[in-house]
Amino acid sequence: TMKVRPDMVNGHKLCHGGLIFTLADSAFAFACNSYNLRTVAASAEVSFLKSAFEGEILTADARERWREGRNGIYDISVVNGDGVVIAEFRGKSRTIQGAVLEDEENSP
């Protein structure tokens, strides 16, 4: 979740789109790394559907749509406090070498 603060709005008094993208991208990162395999974004895109305003609390919900081998596709919906979808984000992931969290026995 993210509360839209006064320093997060643009000249139109709307939440800056880059911050909405960042919220969705963070949810994407948590989702695609949930297998404990280091995974990064290969690409991402966002569609802004509605405006978000100062004081609103935004929530990002990530869904894995497809995963095979080292690739994945994730859809993230960003909603306001009323449950209205304000943005749709799609991220494509690529798994790289290593674990997100190393076993304690294997830690340096």
PDB file of N, CA and C in Angstrom:
ATOM      1  N   THR A   1       0.837  -1.189   0.000  1.00  0.00           N
ATOM      2  CA  THR A   1       0.000   0.000   0.000  1.00  0.00           C
ATOM      3  C   THR A   1       0.877   1.246   0.000  1.00  0.00           C
ATOM      4  N   MET A   2       0.274   2.349  -0.399  1.00  0.00           N
ATOM      5  CA  MET A   2       0.974   3.632  -0.435  1.00  0.00           C
ATOM      6  C   MET A   2      -0.051   4.742  -0.212  1.00  0.00           C
ATOM      7  N   LYS A   3       0.207   5.583   0.785  1.00  0.00           N
ATOM      8  CA  LYS A   3      -0.638   6.755   1.000  1.00  0.00           C
ATOM      9  C   LYS A   3      -0.072   7.902   0.178  1.00  0.00           C
ATOM     10  N   VAL A   4      -0.937   8.560  -0.577  1.00  0.00           N
ATOM     11  CA  VAL A   4      -0.511   9.678  -1.422  1.00  0.00           C
ATOM     12  C   VAL A   4      -0.344  10.916  -0.536  1.00  0.00           C
ATOM     13  N   ARG A   5       0.907  11.335  -0.371  1.00  0.00           N
ATOM     14  CA  ARG A   5       1.250  12.488   0.455  1.00  0.00           C
ATOM     15  C   ARG A   5       1.290  13.761  -0.398  1.00  0.00           C
ATOM     16  N   PRO A   6       1.314  14.930   0.250  1.00  0.00           N
ATOM     17  CA  PRO A   6       1.374  16.192  -0.505  1.00  0.00           C
ATOM     18  C   PRO A   6       2.576  16.283  -1.446  1.00  0.00           C
ATOM     19  N   ASP A   7       3.711  15.712  -1.052  1.00  0.00           N
ATOM     20  CA  ASP A   7       4.902  15.788  -1.903  1.00  0.00           C
ATOM     21  C   ASP A   7       4.865  14.783  -3.059  1.00  0.00           C
ATOM     22  N   MET A   8       3.779  14.031  -3.179  1.00  0.00           N
ATOM     23  CA  MET A   8       3.657  13.022  -4.236  1.00  0.00           C
ATOM     24  C   MET A   8       2.720  13.455  -5.361  1.00  0.00           C
ATOM     25  N   VAL A   9       2.171  14.666  -5.255  1.00  0.00           N
ATOM     26  CA  VAL A   9       1.253  15.131  -6.295  1.00  0.00           C
ATOM     27  C   VAL A   9       1.977  16.071  -7.251  1.00  0.00           C
ATOM     28  N   ASN A  10       1.471  16.113  -8.479  1.00  0.00           N
ATOM     29  CA  ASN A  10       2.073  16.957  -9.517  1.00  0.00           C
ATOM     30  C   ASN A  10       1.366  18.313  -9.582  1.00  0.00           C
ATOM     31  N   GLY A  11       1.637  19.077 -10.607  1.00  0.00           N
ATOM     32  CA  GLY A  11       1.045  20.403 -10.770  1.00  0.00           C
ATOM     33  C   GLY A  11      -0.462  20.389 -10.949  1.00  0.00           C
ATOM     34  N   HIS A  12      -1.033  19.250 -11.294  1.00  0.00           N
ATOM     35  CA  HIS A  12      -2.489  19.110 -11.436  1.00  0.00           C
ATOM     36  C   HIS A  12      -3.138  18.622 -10.148  1.00  0.00           C
ATOM     37  N   LYS A  13      -2.330  18.504  -9.086  1.00  0.00           N
ATOM     38  CA  LYS A  13      -2.786  18.011  -7.779  1.00  0.00           C
ATOM     39  C   LYS A  13      -3.219  16.543  -7.840  1.00  0.00           C
ATOM     40  N   LEU A  14      -2.590  15.799  -8.747  1.00  0.00           N
ATOM     41  CA  LEU A  14      -2.832  14.364  -8.899  1.00  0.00           C
ATOM     42  C   LEU A  14      -1.562  13.617  -8.523  1.00  0.00           C
ATOM     43  N   CYS A  15      -1.722  12.392  -8.044  1.00  0.00           N
ATOM     44  CA  CYS A  15      -0.547  11.579  -7.730  1.00  0.00           C
ATOM     45  C   CYS A  15       0.290  11.397  -8.993  1.00  0.00           C
ATOM     46  N   HIS A  16       1.577  11.613  -8.881  1.00  0.00           N
ATOM     47  CA  HIS A  16       2.489  11.475 -10.019  1.00  0.00           C
ATOM     48  C   HIS A  16       2.469  10.026 -10.510  1.00  0.00           C
ATOM     49  N   GLY A  17       2.325   9.847 -11.810  1.00  0.00           N
ATOM     50  CA  GLY A  17       2.247   8.511 -12.396  1.00  0.00           C
ATOM     51  C   GLY A  17       3.460   7.650 -12.117  1.00  0.00           C
ATOM     52  N   GLY A  18       4.624   8.276 -11.999  1.00  0.00           N
ATOM     53  CA  GLY A  18       5.834   7.517 -11.707  1.00  0.00           C
ATOM     54  C   GLY A  18       5.777   6.825 -10.359  1.00  0.00           C
ATOM     55  N   LEU A  19       5.073   7.426  -9.408  1.00  0.00           N
ATOM     56  CA  LEU A  19       4.940   6.814  -8.088  1.00  0.00           C
ATOM     57  C   LEU A  19       3.956   5.651  -8.119  1.00  0.00           C
ATOM     58  N   ILE A  20       2.905   5.783  -8.909  1.00  0.00           N
ATOM     59  CA  ILE A  20       1.966   4.668  -9.079  1.00  0.00           C
ATOM     60  C   ILE A  20       2.685   3.504  -9.755  1.00  0.00           C
ATOM     61  N   PHE A  21       3.502   3.812 -10.766  1.00  0.00           N
ATOM     62  CA  PHE A  21       4.307   2.782 -11.431  1.00  0.00           C
ATOM     63  C   PHE A  21       5.224   2.100 -10.421  1.00  0.00           C
ATOM     64  N   THR A  22       5.867   2.885  -9.555  1.00  0.00           N
ATOM     65  CA  THR A  22       6.791   2.333  -8.564  1.00  0.00           C
ATOM     66  C   THR A  22       6.085   1.389  -7.604  1.00  0.00           C
ATOM     67  N   LEU A  23       4.885   1.748  -7.160  1.00  0.00           N
ATOM     68  CA  LEU A  23       4.109   0.862  -6.287  1.00  0.00           C
ATOM     69  C   LEU A  23       3.827  -0.461  -6.988  1.00  0.00           C
ATOM     70  N   ALA A  24       3.357  -0.394  -8.227  1.00  0.00           N
ATOM     71  CA  ALA A  24       3.054  -1.609  -8.984  1.00  0.00           C
ATOM     72  C   ALA A  24       4.319  -2.423  -9.242  1.00  0.00           C
ATOM     73  N   ASP A  25       5.410  -1.751  -9.564  1.00  0.00           N
ATOM     74  CA  ASP A  25       6.676  -2.432  -9.830  1.00  0.00           C
ATOM     75  C   ASP A  25       7.189  -3.148  -8.586  1.00  0.00           C
ATOM     76  N   SER A  26       6.982  -2.561  -7.426  1.00  0.00           N
ATOM     77  CA  SER A  26       7.393  -3.203  -6.173  1.00  0.00           C
ATOM     78  C   SER A  26       6.582  -4.470  -5.923  1.00  0.00           C
ATOM     79  N   ALA A  27       5.268  -4.413  -6.169  1.00  0.00           N
ATOM     80  CA  ALA A  27       4.431  -5.611  -6.020  1.00  0.00           C
ATOM     81  C   ALA A  27       4.868  -6.690  -7.005  1.00  0.00           C
ATOM     82  N   PHE A  28       5.199  -6.281  -8.224  1.00  0.00           N
ATOM     83  CA  PHE A  28       5.715  -7.197  -9.242  1.00  0.00           C
ATOM     84  C   PHE A  28       6.986  -7.877  -8.739  1.00  0.00           C
ATOM     85  N   ALA A  29       7.901  -7.102  -8.166  1.00  0.00           N
ATOM     86  CA  ALA A  29       9.164  -7.654  -7.667  1.00  0.00           C
ATOM     87  C   ALA A  29       8.926  -8.679  -6.559  1.00  0.00           C
ATOM     88  N   PHE A  30       8.039  -8.365  -5.624  1.00  0.00           N
ATOM     89  CA  PHE A  30       7.738  -9.326  -4.556  1.00  0.00           C
ATOM     90  C   PHE A  30       7.141 -10.604  -5.132  1.00  0.00           C
ATOM     91  N   ALA A  31       6.229 -10.468  -6.084  1.00  0.00           N
ATOM     92  CA  ALA A  31       5.565 -11.642  -6.662  1.00  0.00           C
ATOM     93  C   ALA A  31       6.541 -12.528  -7.425  1.00  0.00           C
ATOM     94  N   CYS A  32       7.336 -11.946  -8.298  1.00  0.00           N
ATOM     95  CA  CYS A  32       8.199 -12.787  -9.140  1.00  0.00           C
ATOM     96  C   CYS A  32       9.406 -13.324  -8.379  1.00  0.00           C
ATOM     97  N   ASN A  33       9.726 -12.763  -7.217  1.00  0.00           N
ATOM     98  CA  ASN A  33      10.812 -13.294  -6.395  1.00  0.00           C
ATOM     99  C   ASN A  33      10.313 -14.223  -5.292  1.00  0.00           C
ATOM    100  N   SER A  34       9.016 -14.521  -5.269  1.00  0.00           N
ATOM    101  CA  SER A  34       8.429 -15.325  -4.195  1.00  0.00           C
ATOM    102  C   SER A  34       8.844 -16.794  -4.232  1.00  0.00           C
ATOM    103  N   TYR A  35       9.482 -17.223  -5.297  1.00  0.00           N
ATOM    104  CA  TYR A  35       9.981 -18.602  -5.382  1.00  0.00           C
ATOM    105  C   TYR A  35      11.394 -18.727  -4.807  1.00  0.00           C
ATOM    106  N   ASN A  36      11.922 -17.637  -4.250  1.00  0.00           N
ATOM    107  CA  ASN A  36      13.276 -17.560  -3.711  1.00  0.00           C
ATOM    108  C   ASN A  36      14.338 -17.774  -4.788  1.00  0.00           C
ATOM    109  N   LEU A  37      14.011 -17.387  -6.006  1.00  0.00           N
ATOM    110  CA  LEU A  37      14.976 -17.368  -7.102  1.00  0.00           C
ATOM    111  C   LEU A  37      15.131 -15.914  -7.521  1.00  0.00           C
ATOM    112  N   ARG A  38      16.367 -15.443  -7.622  1.00  0.00           N
ATOM    113  CA  ARG A  38      16.586 -14.038  -7.998  1.00  0.00           C
ATOM    114  C   ARG A  38      15.998 -13.791  -9.378  1.00  0.00           C
ATOM    115  N   THR A  39      15.057 -12.865  -9.417  1.00  0.00           N
ATOM    116  CA  THR A  39      14.321 -12.582 -10.648  1.00  0.00           C
ATOM    117  C   THR A  39      14.239 -11.080 -10.848  1.00  0.00           C
ATOM    118  N   VAL A  40      14.439 -10.655 -12.085  1.00  0.00           N
ATOM    119  CA  VAL A  40      14.447  -9.230 -12.421  1.00  0.00           C
ATOM    120  C   VAL A  40      13.410  -8.953 -13.510  1.00  0.00           C
ATOM    121  N   ALA A  41      13.137  -7.686 -13.724  1.00  0.00           N
ATOM    122  CA  ALA A  41      12.200  -7.288 -14.780  1.00  0.00           C
ATOM    123  C   ALA A  41      12.895  -7.348 -16.136  1.00  0.00           C
ATOM    124  N   ALA A  42      12.223  -7.950 -17.099  1.00  0.00           N
ATOM    125  CA  ALA A  42      12.676  -7.917 -18.491  1.00  0.00           C
ATOM    126  C   ALA A  42      12.002  -6.755 -19.210  1.00  0.00           C
ATOM    127  N   SER A  43      10.751  -6.481 -18.828  1.00  0.00           N
ATOM    128  CA  SER A  43      10.025  -5.330 -19.362  1.00  0.00           C
ATOM    129  C   SER A  43       8.822  -5.064 -18.473  1.00  0.00           C
ATOM    130  N   ALA A  44       8.279  -3.862 -18.598  1.00  0.00           N
ATOM    131  CA  ALA A  44       7.097  -3.490 -17.826  1.00  0.00           C
ATOM    132  C   ALA A  44       6.368  -2.365 -18.543  1.00  0.00           C
ATOM    133  N   GLU A  45       5.052  -2.371 -18.392  1.00  0.00           N
ATOM    134  CA  GLU A  45       4.240  -1.290 -18.953  1.00  0.00           C
ATOM    135  C   GLU A  45       3.076  -1.024 -18.013  1.00  0.00           C
ATOM    136  N   VAL A  46       2.564   0.190 -18.065  1.00  0.00           N
ATOM    137  CA  VAL A  46       1.448   0.563 -17.209  1.00  0.00           C
ATOM    138  C   VAL A  46       0.428   1.356 -18.017  1.00  0.00           C
ATOM    139  N   SER A  47      -0.829   1.154 -17.675  1.00  0.00           N
ATOM    140  CA  SER A  47      -1.930   1.962 -18.217  1.00  0.00           C
ATOM    141  C   SER A  47      -2.588   2.657 -17.039  1.00  0.00           C
ATOM    142  N   PHE A  48      -2.639   3.987 -17.086  1.00  0.00           N
ATOM    143  CA  PHE A  48      -3.290   4.766 -16.040  1.00  0.00           C
ATOM    144  C   PHE A  48      -4.752   4.940 -16.428  1.00  0.00           C
ATOM    145  N   LEU A  49      -5.657   4.464 -15.575  1.00  0.00           N
ATOM    146  CA  LEU A  49      -7.082   4.445 -15.896  1.00  0.00           C
ATOM    147  C   LEU A  49      -7.865   5.551 -15.204  1.00  0.00           C
ATOM    148  N   LYS A  50      -7.486   5.886 -13.993  1.00  0.00           N
ATOM    149  CA  LYS A  50      -8.139   6.933 -13.203  1.00  0.00           C
ATOM    150  C   LYS A  50      -7.066   7.696 -12.447  1.00  0.00           C
ATOM    151  N   SER A  51      -7.414   8.871 -11.980  1.00  0.00           N
ATOM    152  CA  SER A  51      -6.479   9.677 -11.195  1.00  0.00           C
ATOM    153  C   SER A  51      -6.510   9.256  -9.735  1.00  0.00           C
ATOM    154  N   ALA A  52      -5.394   9.479  -9.058  1.00  0.00           N
ATOM    155  CA  ALA A  52      -5.307   9.281  -7.612  1.00  0.00           C
ATOM    156  C   ALA A  52      -4.999  10.637  -6.990  1.00  0.00           C
ATOM    157  N   PHE A  53      -5.538  10.863  -5.803  1.00  0.00           N
ATOM    158  CA  PHE A  53      -5.459  12.174  -5.172  1.00  0.00           C
ATOM    159  C   PHE A  53      -4.771  12.104  -3.813  1.00  0.00           C
ATOM    160  N   GLU A  54      -4.287  13.263  -3.370  1.00  0.00           N
ATOM    161  CA  GLU A  54      -3.656  13.368  -2.058  1.00  0.00           C
ATOM    162  C   GLU A  54      -4.575  12.794  -0.983  1.00  0.00           C
ATOM    163  N   GLY A  55      -3.986  12.027  -0.081  1.00  0.00           N
ATOM    164  CA  GLY A  55      -4.730  11.431   1.025  1.00  0.00           C
ATOM    165  C   GLY A  55      -5.254  10.034   0.741  1.00  0.00           C
ATOM    166  N   GLU A  56      -5.342   9.666  -0.527  1.00  0.00           N
ATOM    167  CA  GLU A  56      -5.835   8.327  -0.858  1.00  0.00           C
ATOM    168  C   GLU A  56      -4.791   7.272  -0.506  1.00  0.00           C
ATOM    169  N   ILE A  57      -5.273   6.103  -0.173  1.00  0.00           N
ATOM    170  CA  ILE A  57      -4.398   4.955   0.051  1.00  0.00           C
ATOM    171  C   ILE A  57      -4.563   4.026  -1.136  1.00  0.00           C
ATOM    172  N   LEU A  58      -3.454   3.756  -1.804  1.00  0.00           N
ATOM    173  CA  LEU A  58      -3.452   2.901  -2.987  1.00  0.00           C
ATOM    174  C   LEU A  58      -2.911   1.525  -2.614  1.00  0.00           C
ATOM    175  N   THR A  59      -3.484   0.501  -3.199  1.00  0.00           N
ATOM    176  CA  THR A  59      -3.075  -0.878  -2.944  1.00  0.00           C
ATOM    177  C   THR A  59      -2.774  -1.560  -4.266  1.00  0.00           C
ATOM    178  N   ALA A  60      -1.671  -2.294  -4.301  1.00  0.00           N
ATOM    179  CA  ALA A  60      -1.290  -3.051  -5.497  1.00  0.00           C
ATOM    180  C   ALA A  60      -1.490  -4.536  -5.228  1.00  0.00           C
ATOM    181  N   ASP A  61      -2.138  -5.209  -6.170  1.00  0.00           N
ATOM    182  CA  ASP A  61      -2.397  -6.648  -6.078  1.00  0.00           C
ATOM    183  C   ASP A  61      -1.755  -7.325  -7.283  1.00  0.00           C
ATOM    184  N   ALA A  62      -0.802  -8.218  -7.036  1.00  0.00           N
ATOM    185  CA  ALA A  62      -0.066  -8.884  -8.120  1.00  0.00           C
ATOM    186  C   ALA A  62      -0.584 -10.300  -8.339  1.00  0.00           C
ATOM    187  N   ARG A  63      -0.682 -10.675  -9.603  1.00  0.00           N
ATOM    188  CA  ARG A  63      -1.114 -12.023  -9.998  1.00  0.00           C
ATOM    189  C   ARG A  63      -0.139 -12.590 -11.018  1.00  0.00           C
ATOM    190  N   GLU A  64       0.308 -13.797 -10.756  1.00  0.00           N
ATOM    191  CA  GLU A  64       1.144 -14.477 -11.744  1.00  0.00           C
ATOM    192  C   GLU A  64       0.228 -15.039 -12.825  1.00  0.00           C
ATOM    193  N   ARG A  65       0.477 -14.677 -14.063  1.00  0.00           N
ATOM    194  CA  ARG A  65      -0.339 -15.142 -15.186  1.00  0.00           C
ATOM    195  C   ARG A  65       0.281 -16.329 -15.895  1.00  0.00           C
ATOM    196  N   TRP A  66       1.617 -16.358 -15.937  1.00  0.00           N
ATOM    197  CA  TRP A  66       2.305 -17.428 -16.654  1.00  0.00           C
ATOM    198  C   TRP A  66       3.733 -17.480 -16.155  1.00  0.00           C
ATOM    199  N   ARG A  67       4.250 -18.692 -16.018  1.00  0.00           N
ATOM    200  CA  ARG A  67       5.649 -18.870 -15.623  1.00  0.00           C
ATOM    201  C   ARG A  67       6.140 -20.178 -16.212  1.00  0.00           C
ATOM    202  N   GLU A  68       7.237 -20.102 -16.939  1.00  0.00           N
ATOM    203  CA  GLU A  68       7.826 -21.292 -17.538  1.00  0.00           C
ATOM    204  C   GLU A  68       9.322 -21.065 -17.686  1.00  0.00           C
ATOM    205  N   GLY A  69      10.101 -22.044 -17.238  1.00  0.00           N
ATOM    206  CA  GLY A  69      11.551 -21.879 -17.301  1.00  0.00           C
ATOM    207  C   GLY A  69      11.984 -20.654 -16.517  1.00  0.00           C
ATOM    208  N   ARG A  70      12.692 -19.766 -17.169  1.00  0.00           N
ATOM    209  CA  ARG A  70      13.211 -18.567 -16.509  1.00  0.00           C
ATOM    210  C   ARG A  70      12.348 -17.331 -16.746  1.00  0.00           C
ATOM    211  N   ASN A  71      11.198 -17.487 -17.379  1.00  0.00           N
ATOM    212  CA  ASN A  71      10.361 -16.348 -17.763  1.00  0.00           C
ATOM    213  C   ASN A  71       9.017 -16.361 -17.045  1.00  0.00           C
ATOM    214  N   GLY A  72       8.462 -15.180 -16.836  1.00  0.00           N
ATOM    215  CA  GLY A  72       7.147 -15.069 -16.220  1.00  0.00           C
ATOM    216  C   GLY A  72       6.438 -13.806 -16.673  1.00  0.00           C
ATOM    217  N   ILE A  73       5.123 -13.831 -16.531  1.00  0.00           N
ATOM    218  CA  ILE A  73       4.297 -12.654 -16.812  1.00  0.00           C
ATOM    219  C   ILE A  73       3.403 -12.427 -15.599  1.00  0.00           C
ATOM    220  N   TYR A  74       3.377 -11.184 -15.124  1.00  0.00           N
ATOM    221  CA  TYR A  74       2.619 -10.814 -13.929  1.00  0.00           C
ATOM    222  C   TYR A  74       1.764  -9.591 -14.225  1.00  0.00           C
ATOM    223  N   ASP A  75       0.513  -9.636 -13.765  1.00  0.00           N
ATOM    224  CA  ASP A  75      -0.393  -8.493 -13.886  1.00  0.00           C
ATOM    225  C   ASP A  75      -0.628  -7.913 -12.501  1.00  0.00           C
ATOM    226  N   ILE A  76      -0.525  -6.613 -12.402  1.00  0.00           N
ATOM    227  CA  ILE A  76      -0.716  -5.918 -11.139  1.00  0.00           C
ATOM    228  C   ILE A  76      -1.802  -4.873 -11.320  1.00  0.00           C
ATOM    229  N   SER A  77      -2.805  -4.923 -10.455  1.00  0.00           N
ATOM    230  CA  SER A  77      -3.859  -3.909 -10.430  1.00  0.00           C
ATOM    231  C   SER A  77      -3.600  -2.986  -9.245  1.00  0.00           C
ATOM    232  N   VAL A  78      -3.699  -1.687  -9.480  1.00  0.00           N
ATOM    233  CA  VAL A  78      -3.584  -0.702  -8.406  1.00  0.00           C
ATOM    234  C   VAL A  78      -4.972  -0.117  -8.196  1.00  0.00           C
ATOM    235  N   VAL A  79      -5.461  -0.205  -6.954  1.00  0.00           N
ATOM    236  CA  VAL A  79      -6.803   0.282  -6.631  1.00  0.00           C
ATOM    237  C   VAL A  79      -6.721   1.354  -5.552  1.00  0.00           C
ATOM    238  N   ASN A  80      -7.748   2.218  -5.527  1.00  0.00           N
ATOM    239  CA  ASN A  80      -7.829   3.212  -4.455  1.00  0.00           C
ATOM    240  C   ASN A  80      -8.620   2.617  -3.289  1.00  0.00           C
ATOM    241  N   GLY A  81      -8.856   3.420  -2.265  1.00  0.00           N
ATOM    242  CA  GLY A  81      -9.551   2.946  -1.073  1.00  0.00           C
ATOM    243  C   GLY A  81     -10.973   2.483  -1.309  1.00  0.00           C
ATOM    244  N   ASP A  82     -11.580   2.929  -2.404  1.00  0.00           N
ATOM    245  CA  ASP A  82     -12.940   2.506  -2.752  1.00  0.00           C
ATOM    246  C   ASP A  82     -12.936   1.251  -3.616  1.00  0.00           C
ATOM    247  N   GLY A  83     -11.752   0.713  -3.891  1.00  0.00           N
ATOM    248  CA  GLY A  83     -11.651  -0.476  -4.724  1.00  0.00           C
ATOM    249  C   GLY A  83     -11.704  -0.198  -6.212  1.00  0.00           C
ATOM    250  N   VAL A  84     -11.626   1.072  -6.589  1.00  0.00           N
ATOM    251  CA  VAL A  84     -11.647   1.456  -8.000  1.00  0.00           C
ATOM    252  C   VAL A  84     -10.250   1.252  -8.587  1.00  0.00           C
ATOM    253  N   VAL A  85     -10.174   0.539  -9.699  1.00  0.00           N
ATOM    254  CA  VAL A  85      -8.886   0.303 -10.353  1.00  0.00           C
ATOM    255  C   VAL A  85      -8.417   1.605 -10.996  1.00  0.00           C
ATOM    256  N   ILE A  86      -7.225   2.050 -10.601  1.00  0.00           N
ATOM    257  CA  ILE A  86      -6.692   3.289 -11.176  1.00  0.00           C
ATOM    258  C   ILE A  86      -5.561   3.024 -12.168  1.00  0.00           C
ATOM    259  N   ALA A  87      -4.946   1.828 -12.088  1.00  0.00           N
ATOM    260  CA  ALA A  87      -3.858   1.503 -13.016  1.00  0.00           C
ATOM    261  C   ALA A  87      -3.744  -0.004 -13.182  1.00  0.00           C
ATOM    262  N   GLU A  88      -3.347  -0.406 -14.381  1.00  0.00           N
ATOM    263  CA  GLU A  88      -3.046  -1.810 -14.685  1.00  0.00           C
ATOM    264  C   GLU A  88      -1.608  -1.867 -15.181  1.00  0.00           C
ATOM    265  N   PHE A  89      -0.844  -2.759 -14.594  1.00  0.00           N
ATOM    266  CA  PHE A  89       0.588  -2.898 -14.878  1.00  0.00           C
ATOM    267  C   PHE A  89       0.839  -4.331 -15.325  1.00  0.00           C
ATOM    268  N   ARG A  90       1.673  -4.515 -16.323  1.00  0.00           N
ATOM    269  CA  ARG A  90       2.098  -5.862 -16.720  1.00  0.00           C
ATOM    270  C   ARG A  90       3.616  -5.897 -16.725  1.00  0.00           C
ATOM    271  N   GLY A  91       4.157  -6.871 -16.008  1.00  0.00           N
ATOM    272  CA  GLY A  91       5.598  -7.048 -15.950  1.00  0.00           C
ATOM    273  C   GLY A  91       5.999  -8.407 -16.479  1.00  0.00           C
ATOM    274  N   LYS A  92       7.074  -8.424 -17.225  1.00  0.00           N
ATOM    275  CA  LYS A  92       7.654  -9.679 -17.711  1.00  0.00           C
ATOM    276  C   LYS A  92       8.962  -9.885 -16.962  1.00  0.00           C
ATOM    277  N   SER A  93       9.133 -11.069 -16.399  1.00  0.00           N
ATOM    278  CA  SER A  93      10.281 -11.341 -15.539  1.00  0.00           C
ATOM    279  C   SER A  93      11.260 -12.314 -16.180  1.00  0.00           C
ATOM    280  N   ARG A  94      12.483 -12.264 -15.653  1.00  0.00           N
ATOM    281  CA  ARG A  94      13.541 -13.186 -16.084  1.00  0.00           C
ATOM    282  C   ARG A  94      14.315 -13.600 -14.836  1.00  0.00           C
ATOM    283  N   THR A  95      14.398 -14.896 -14.598  1.00  0.00           N
ATOM    284  CA  THR A  95      15.137 -15.408 -13.455  1.00  0.00           C
ATOM    285  C   THR A  95      16.625 -15.457 -13.786  1.00  0.00           C
ATOM    286  N   ILE A  96      17.436 -14.982 -12.828  1.00  0.00           N
ATOM    287  CA  ILE A  96      18.892 -15.000 -12.979  1.00  0.00           C
ATOM    288  C   ILE A  96      19.467 -15.953 -11.927  1.00  0.00           C
ATOM    289  N   GLN A  97      20.765 -16.055 -11.843  1.00  0.00           N
ATOM    290  CA  GLN A  97      21.384 -16.996 -10.912  1.00  0.00           C
ATOM    291  C   GLN A  97      21.261 -16.534  -9.477  1.00  0.00           C
ATOM    292  N   GLY A  98      21.108 -17.504  -8.586  1.00  0.00           N
ATOM    293  CA  GLY A  98      21.145 -17.243  -7.159  1.00  0.00           C
ATOM    294  C   GLY A  98      19.781 -17.235  -6.508  1.00  0.00           C
ATOM    295  N   ALA A  99      19.828 -17.289  -5.181  1.00  0.00           N
ATOM    296  CA  ALA A  99      18.618 -17.261  -4.370  1.00  0.00           C
ATOM    297  C   ALA A  99      18.423 -15.863  -3.799  1.00  0.00           C
ATOM    298  N   VAL A 100      17.176 -15.523  -3.520  1.00  0.00           N
ATOM    299  CA  VAL A 100      16.883 -14.250  -2.861  1.00  0.00           C
ATOM    300  C   VAL A 100      17.401 -14.309  -1.429  1.00  0.00           C
ATOM    301  N   LEU A 101      17.048 -15.370  -0.721  1.00  0.00           N
ATOM    302  CA  LEU A 101      17.500 -15.589   0.654  1.00  0.00           C
ATOM    303  C   LEU A 101      18.342 -16.853   0.680  1.00  0.00           C
ATOM    304  N   GLU A 102      19.607 -16.713   1.015  1.00  0.00           N
ATOM    305  CA  GLU A 102      20.504 -17.865   1.099  1.00  0.00           C
ATOM    306  C   GLU A 102      20.189 -18.664   2.359  1.00  0.00           C
ATOM    307  N   ASP A 103      20.423 -19.973   2.308  1.00  0.00           N
ATOM    308  CA  ASP A 103      20.290 -20.803   3.502  1.00  0.00           C
ATOM    309  C   ASP A 103      21.283 -20.322   4.542  1.00  0.00           C
ATOM    310  N   GLU A 104      20.869 -20.378   5.813  1.00  0.00           N
ATOM    311  CA  GLU A 104      21.765 -19.934   6.877  1.00  0.00           C
ATOM    312  C   GLU A 104      23.054 -20.746   6.884  1.00  0.00           C
ATOM    313  N   GLU A 105      22.958 -22.033   6.560  1.00  0.00           N
ATOM    314  CA  GLU A 105      24.146 -22.882   6.543  1.00  0.00           C
ATOM    315  C   GLU A 105      25.125 -22.456   5.458  1.00  0.00           C
ATOM    316  N   ASN A 106      24.619 -21.891   4.372  1.00  0.00           N
ATOM    317  CA  ASN A 106      25.466 -21.500   3.253  1.00  0.00           C
ATOM    318  C   ASN A 106      25.866 -20.030   3.284  1.00  0.00           C
ATOM    319  N   SER A 107      25.423 -19.311   4.308  1.00  0.00           N
ATOM    320  CA  SER A 107      25.755 -17.885   4.394  1.00  0.00           C
ATOM    321  C   SER A 107      27.218 -17.712   4.788  1.00  0.00           C
ATOM    322  N   PRO A 108      27.859 -16.643   4.306  1.00  0.00           N
ATOM    323  CA  PRO A 108      29.267 -16.405   4.687  1.00  0.00           C
ATOM    324  C   PRO A 108      29.404 -16.035   6.148  1.00  0.00           C
TER     325      PRO A 108
END
